[in-house]
Amino acid sequence: MYDYCYALDEGEILNEGHPEWPLFVLTICGSKIETLKMSKRIMCTLKHLPLRLQVFYENNAEKCIEMGGGGDPSVFLDGKLLFEGLIQAEEIKEIFEKLLKGVKMIKYATPKIHKDLKIDIESFIEKFNNNEAILIDIRMPFEKKVWNLPFAIDMDPETLENEFEKLPKDKLIITACPGVGRSPFAAAFLKEKGFNAKYLDGGLLKLMERLKGGKAKDIKVD
């Protein structure tokens, strides 16, 4: 039936002509561009498997975070996080083959490159103080209304995607969010674009704990 790959329409059912096959209902959460990329990749990968698939989209960044998503995109099965990021077709196929066998998997796959992208807080402070690195705060605007970092550059995920070319290529770019839910994917994105990028291990909350009180003087800011 399907001779080519495309992004499924909202609510469309892949392989709907086979009511005897199990039905999976997914919500793909993230920016419009990335959710459509993921939908097309999922459709292309799974169209020959004995399953039906219904896809819904959530492009509101605040709602995605509330749902528990970190990567762009994040894919949910029955309201629970299944995997994050624009993972490869073979990983998607493996996930659904296991699901067909009855294996329960939540947040099964995250890009393996993340392990090579993290930087610890002490190394960040050293490189920042030596003017070798900049910090990108990728939190959403509503998060930054509560507390902000004057020494970080504010670029939420959508802004980062659209304006990454403005970042310097002669410095280490360190992405950060409250924990490590979203920042690894931002670092991986920048790495793919040719930047020297890492994410802050422990996130901004750990950084603030490290710099509390008199230890705030350990980082050099104007």
Protein backbone atom coordinates (compact mmCIF):
# COMPACT_ATOMS: atom_id res chain seq x y z
CA MET A 1 0.00 0.00 0.00
CA TYR A 2 2.78 2.41 0.91
CA ASP A 3 5.42 2.82 -1.80
CA TYR A 4 7.02 5.88 -0.26
CA CYS A 5 7.57 7.54 3.08
CA TYR A 6 5.77 10.57 4.44
CA ALA A 7 4.79 12.13 7.74
CA LEU A 8 1.51 10.71 8.99
CA ASP A 9 -1.39 13.11 9.37
CA GLU A 10 -2.72 13.76 12.86
CA GLY A 11 -4.75 10.69 13.84
CA GLU A 12 -3.93 8.77 10.67
CA ILE A 13 -3.46 5.02 11.14
CA LEU A 14 -0.57 3.27 9.44
CA ASN A 15 -1.60 -0.15 8.06
CA GLU A 16 -5.24 0.56 8.89
CA GLY A 17 -6.32 -2.18 6.47
CA HIS A 18 -5.25 -4.83 9.00
CA PRO A 19 -7.63 -4.58 11.99
CA GLU A 20 -6.24 -7.88 13.31
CA TRP A 21 -2.82 -6.30 13.93
CA PRO A 22 -2.05 -4.63 17.31
CA LEU A 23 -2.60 -0.89 17.44
CA PHE A 24 0.00 1.45 18.94
CA VAL A 25 -0.99 5.04 19.68
CA LEU A 26 1.94 7.44 19.82
CA THR A 27 2.28 11.11 20.67
CA ILE A 28 5.28 12.80 19.11
CA CYS A 29 6.22 15.85 21.11
CA GLY A 30 8.57 18.66 20.10
CA SER A 31 9.11 21.31 17.45
CA LYS A 32 7.04 21.01 14.30
CA ILE A 33 10.04 20.27 12.10
CA GLU A 34 11.44 17.52 14.33
CA THR A 35 8.08 15.85 15.01
CA LEU A 36 7.37 15.60 11.29
CA LYS A 37 10.87 14.21 10.67
CA MET A 38 10.27 11.58 13.32
CA SER A 39 6.81 10.73 11.97
CA LYS A 40 8.25 10.15 8.51
CA ARG A 41 11.09 8.04 9.90
CA ILE A 42 8.71 5.95 12.01
CA MET A 43 6.33 5.42 9.09
CA CYS A 44 9.16 4.44 6.77
CA THR A 45 10.63 2.03 9.31
CA LEU A 46 7.46 0.34 10.53
CA LYS A 47 5.23 0.15 7.45
CA HIS A 48 6.27 -3.47 6.77
CA LEU A 49 5.85 -4.69 10.37
CA PRO A 50 2.60 -6.44 11.42
CA LEU A 51 1.25 -3.53 13.42
CA ARG A 52 -1.00 -0.52 13.15
CA LEU A 53 0.20 2.88 14.28
CA GLN A 54 -1.76 6.02 15.06
CA VAL A 55 0.18 9.23 15.55
CA PHE A 56 -0.69 12.46 17.32
CA TYR A 57 1.45 15.59 17.61
CA GLU A 58 2.18 18.05 20.41
CA ASN A 59 4.19 21.10 19.32
CA ASN A 60 3.69 23.19 22.45
CA ALA A 61 7.09 23.20 24.19
CA GLU A 62 5.60 23.89 27.63
CA LYS A 63 3.20 20.95 27.36
CA CYS A 64 6.02 18.70 26.14
CA ILE A 65 8.03 19.47 29.24
CA GLU A 66 4.99 18.91 31.46
CA MET A 67 4.52 15.50 29.81
CA GLY A 68 8.08 14.58 30.75
CA GLY A 69 9.76 15.03 27.39
CA GLY A 70 13.32 16.19 27.17
CA GLY A 71 14.58 15.52 23.67
CA ASP A 72 13.31 17.09 20.50
CA PRO A 73 11.38 15.11 19.54
CA SER A 74 10.12 12.92 22.39
CA VAL A 75 7.88 9.94 21.62
CA PHE A 76 5.24 8.76 24.09
CA LEU A 77 3.35 5.46 24.17
CA ASP A 78 0.15 5.49 26.23
CA GLY A 79 1.30 8.68 27.88
CA LYS A 80 4.66 7.26 28.95
CA LEU A 81 7.99 8.29 27.48
CA LEU A 82 9.21 5.67 25.01
CA PHE A 83 12.30 7.31 23.53
CA GLU A 84 13.83 10.71 22.89
CA GLY A 85 15.70 12.31 20.05
CA LEU A 86 15.81 11.66 16.31
CA ILE A 87 17.09 8.12 16.70
CA GLN A 88 18.01 5.91 13.77
CA ALA A 89 15.64 3.56 11.92
CA GLU A 90 17.27 0.39 13.20
CA GLU A 91 16.72 1.49 16.82
CA ILE A 92 13.08 2.31 16.11
CA LYS A 93 12.56 -1.09 14.49
CA GLU A 94 14.17 -2.88 17.43
CA ILE A 95 11.94 -1.04 19.89
CA PHE A 96 8.73 -2.02 18.10
CA GLU A 97 9.82 -5.57 17.43
CA LYS A 98 10.26 -5.96 21.18
CA LEU A 99 6.93 -4.29 21.84
CA LEU A 100 5.27 -6.78 19.48
CA LYS A 101 6.78 -9.55 21.60
CA GLY A 102 5.24 -8.04 24.71
CA VAL A 103 8.41 -6.50 26.13
CA LYS A 104 7.60 -3.39 28.15
CA MET A 105 10.01 -0.60 27.41
CA ILE A 106 9.82 2.97 28.58
CA LYS A 107 12.47 5.47 27.55
CA TYR A 108 14.25 2.60 25.83
CA ALA A 109 16.53 4.48 23.48
CA THR A 110 18.54 7.65 23.75
CA PRO A 111 21.36 8.61 21.41
CA LYS A 112 24.48 6.70 22.41
CA ILE A 113 26.64 9.70 21.52
CA HIS A 114 25.46 11.40 24.74
CA LYS A 115 28.06 9.53 26.77
CA ASP A 116 30.84 11.34 24.92
CA LEU A 117 29.25 14.78 25.15
CA LYS A 118 29.10 15.53 28.85
CA ILE A 119 31.39 17.84 30.79
CA ASP A 120 31.57 17.97 34.57
CA ILE A 121 30.93 21.16 36.50
CA GLU A 122 34.53 21.75 37.62
CA SER A 123 35.81 21.42 34.05
CA PHE A 124 33.11 23.81 32.87
CA ILE A 125 34.09 26.42 35.48
CA GLU A 126 37.76 26.15 34.50
CA LYS A 127 37.08 26.52 30.77
CA PHE A 128 34.58 29.31 31.32
CA ASN A 129 37.02 31.25 33.51
CA ASN A 130 39.71 30.83 30.84
CA ASN A 131 37.34 32.22 28.20
CA GLU A 132 37.44 28.88 26.38
CA ALA A 133 33.74 28.05 26.72
CA ILE A 134 30.29 29.62 26.75
CA LEU A 135 27.17 28.35 28.50
CA ILE A 136 23.86 28.08 26.65
CA ASP A 137 20.76 28.07 28.87
CA ILE A 138 18.19 26.12 26.81
CA ARG A 139 15.36 26.36 29.32
CA MET A 140 12.02 27.69 28.11
CA PRO A 141 11.12 31.36 28.83
CA PHE A 142 8.54 30.39 31.47
CA GLU A 143 11.26 28.51 33.37
CA LYS A 144 13.64 31.48 33.24
CA LYS A 145 11.02 33.76 34.78
CA VAL A 146 11.57 31.94 38.07
CA TRP A 147 15.37 32.28 38.10
CA ASN A 148 17.97 33.24 35.53
CA LEU A 149 21.72 33.10 34.94
CA PRO A 150 23.32 36.39 33.88
CA PHE A 151 26.49 34.67 32.66
CA ALA A 152 24.65 32.26 30.32
CA ILE A 153 23.30 32.87 26.82
CA ASP A 154 19.53 32.41 26.63
CA MET A 155 18.56 30.15 23.72
CA ASP A 156 15.54 27.89 24.13
CA PRO A 157 15.51 24.80 21.86
CA GLU A 158 13.56 26.49 19.06
CA THR A 159 15.85 29.53 19.07
CA LEU A 160 18.90 27.30 19.12
CA GLU A 161 17.62 25.38 16.11
CA ASN A 162 17.02 28.58 14.15
CA GLU A 163 20.01 30.67 15.25
CA PHE A 164 22.81 28.19 15.94
CA GLU A 165 24.94 29.79 13.22
CA LYS A 166 25.38 32.83 15.46
CA LEU A 167 27.38 30.79 17.97
CA PRO A 168 31.20 30.95 17.92
CA LYS A 169 33.10 28.00 16.50
CA ASP A 170 36.32 28.87 18.29
CA LYS A 171 34.93 28.05 21.73
CA LEU A 172 33.42 25.07 23.47
CA ILE A 173 29.62 25.37 23.51
CA ILE A 174 28.10 23.93 26.68
CA THR A 175 24.35 23.41 26.79
CA ALA A 176 22.45 23.25 30.06
CA CYS A 177 18.93 22.72 31.38
CA PRO A 178 17.79 22.12 34.98
CA GLY A 179 18.97 18.49 34.88
CA VAL A 180 20.13 16.49 31.89
CA GLY A 181 16.80 15.82 30.17
CA ARG A 182 17.11 18.23 27.26
CA SER A 183 20.68 19.51 27.16
CA PRO A 184 22.26 16.31 25.74
CA PHE A 185 20.06 16.54 22.67
CA ALA A 186 20.96 20.20 22.17
CA ALA A 187 24.65 19.32 22.40
CA ALA A 188 24.20 16.45 19.93
CA PHE A 189 22.42 18.83 17.54
CA LEU A 190 25.28 21.34 17.70
CA LYS A 191 27.83 18.57 17.27
CA GLU A 192 26.11 17.52 14.05
CA LYS A 193 26.32 21.13 12.86
CA GLY A 194 30.10 21.15 13.28
CA PHE A 195 30.43 22.82 16.69
CA ASN A 196 32.59 21.68 19.59
CA ALA A 197 29.71 21.07 21.97
CA LYS A 198 29.04 19.31 25.27
CA TYR A 199 26.27 19.34 27.86
CA LEU A 200 26.66 20.20 31.54
CA ASP A 201 26.60 17.00 33.58
CA GLY A 202 24.30 17.51 36.55
CA GLY A 203 22.60 20.50 34.96
CA LEU A 204 21.97 24.01 36.19
CA LEU A 205 20.60 22.92 39.55
CA LYS A 206 23.85 21.16 40.41
CA LEU A 207 25.81 24.15 39.12
CA MET A 208 23.88 26.52 41.39
CA GLU A 209 24.46 24.19 44.33
CA ARG A 210 28.19 24.22 43.55
CA LEU A 211 28.27 28.03 43.37
CA LYS A 212 26.13 28.84 46.40
CA GLY A 213 27.27 31.31 49.00
CA GLY A 214 30.88 32.43 48.92
CA LYS A 215 31.71 29.85 46.26
CA ALA A 216 29.93 32.05 43.73
CA LYS A 217 33.27 33.84 43.45
CA ASP A 218 34.77 30.71 41.86
CA ILE A 219 33.31 31.64 38.51
CA LYS A 220 34.46 34.81 36.75
CA VAL A 221 31.61 37.01 35.55
CA ASP A 222 31.53 40.69 34.64
